[in-house]
N, C-alpha and C. Protein backbone atom coordinates (compact mmCIF):
# COMPACT_ATOMS: atom_id res chain seq x y z
N UNK A 1 225.95 94.21 -22.83
CA UNK A 1 225.83 93.18 -23.87
C UNK A 1 226.62 93.59 -25.11
N UNK A 2 227.43 92.70 -25.59
CA UNK A 2 228.22 92.96 -26.78
C UNK A 2 227.40 92.59 -28.01
N UNK A 3 227.34 93.50 -28.96
CA UNK A 3 226.63 93.20 -30.21
C UNK A 3 227.61 92.56 -31.19
N UNK A 4 227.16 91.50 -31.81
CA UNK A 4 227.98 90.88 -32.85
C UNK A 4 227.76 91.63 -34.16
N UNK A 5 228.57 91.31 -35.14
CA UNK A 5 228.40 91.91 -36.46
C UNK A 5 227.00 91.62 -36.99
N UNK A 6 226.52 90.40 -36.78
CA UNK A 6 225.18 90.03 -37.24
C UNK A 6 224.11 90.87 -36.59
N UNK A 7 224.26 91.11 -35.29
CA UNK A 7 223.30 91.97 -34.58
C UNK A 7 223.27 93.35 -35.21
N UNK A 8 224.45 93.89 -35.46
CA UNK A 8 224.54 95.24 -36.02
C UNK A 8 223.92 95.29 -37.41
N UNK A 9 224.16 94.25 -38.21
CA UNK A 9 223.58 94.19 -39.55
C UNK A 9 222.06 94.14 -39.46
N UNK A 10 221.55 93.37 -38.50
CA UNK A 10 220.11 93.25 -38.34
C UNK A 10 219.51 94.58 -37.89
N UNK A 11 220.18 95.25 -36.95
CA UNK A 11 219.71 96.55 -36.49
C UNK A 11 219.68 97.53 -37.65
N UNK A 12 220.73 97.51 -38.47
CA UNK A 12 220.79 98.41 -39.61
C UNK A 12 219.62 98.17 -40.56
N UNK A 13 219.33 96.91 -40.85
CA UNK A 13 218.20 96.58 -41.72
C UNK A 13 216.89 97.06 -41.12
N UNK A 14 216.70 96.84 -39.82
CA UNK A 14 215.45 97.26 -39.18
C UNK A 14 215.33 98.78 -39.16
N UNK A 15 216.45 99.47 -38.97
CA UNK A 15 216.43 100.93 -38.99
C UNK A 15 215.98 101.42 -40.36
N UNK A 16 216.46 100.78 -41.42
CA UNK A 16 216.07 101.18 -42.77
C UNK A 16 214.58 100.98 -42.99
N UNK A 17 213.99 100.01 -42.26
CA UNK A 17 212.55 99.77 -42.38
C UNK A 17 211.74 100.71 -41.51
N UNK A 18 212.43 101.56 -40.75
CA UNK A 18 211.72 102.59 -40.00
C UNK A 18 211.50 102.29 -38.53
N UNK A 19 212.13 101.25 -38.01
CA UNK A 19 212.01 101.00 -36.58
C UNK A 19 212.75 102.09 -35.81
N UNK A 20 212.19 102.47 -34.67
CA UNK A 20 212.87 103.47 -33.84
C UNK A 20 214.00 102.81 -33.07
N UNK A 21 215.00 103.60 -32.72
CA UNK A 21 216.09 103.07 -31.91
C UNK A 21 215.61 102.61 -30.55
N UNK A 22 214.59 103.27 -30.04
CA UNK A 22 214.04 102.88 -28.74
C UNK A 22 213.48 101.46 -28.81
N UNK A 23 212.71 101.17 -29.85
CA UNK A 23 212.18 99.81 -30.02
C UNK A 23 213.29 98.80 -30.19
N UNK A 24 214.28 99.16 -30.98
CA UNK A 24 215.38 98.24 -31.23
C UNK A 24 216.20 97.99 -29.97
N UNK A 25 216.40 99.05 -29.19
CA UNK A 25 217.20 98.86 -27.98
C UNK A 25 216.48 97.93 -27.01
N UNK A 26 215.15 98.01 -26.97
CA UNK A 26 214.39 97.09 -26.13
C UNK A 26 214.52 95.67 -26.65
N UNK A 27 214.41 95.51 -27.97
CA UNK A 27 214.50 94.20 -28.58
C UNK A 27 215.86 93.55 -28.32
N UNK A 28 216.91 94.35 -28.39
CA UNK A 28 218.26 93.82 -28.24
C UNK A 28 218.80 93.96 -26.83
N UNK A 29 218.03 94.58 -25.94
CA UNK A 29 218.46 94.71 -24.56
C UNK A 29 219.60 95.70 -24.37
N UNK A 30 219.59 96.76 -25.17
CA UNK A 30 220.62 97.79 -25.04
C UNK A 30 220.00 99.00 -24.36
N UNK A 31 220.75 99.66 -23.50
CA UNK A 31 220.23 100.92 -22.98
C UNK A 31 220.78 102.08 -23.80
N UNK A 32 220.04 103.17 -23.84
CA UNK A 32 220.42 104.29 -24.69
C UNK A 32 221.38 105.26 -24.01
N UNK A 33 221.80 104.95 -22.80
CA UNK A 33 222.59 105.91 -22.05
C UNK A 33 224.02 106.04 -22.58
N UNK A 34 224.52 105.01 -23.26
CA UNK A 34 225.92 105.09 -23.69
C UNK A 34 226.08 105.79 -25.02
């Protein structure tokens, strides 16, 4: 899945709020292997 700029901006905001990357990857359907 390709992330758009908006997706990345949203992920960045959520990261600043303390969400884990694991939670975010599930939310956005990204796997952590890459």
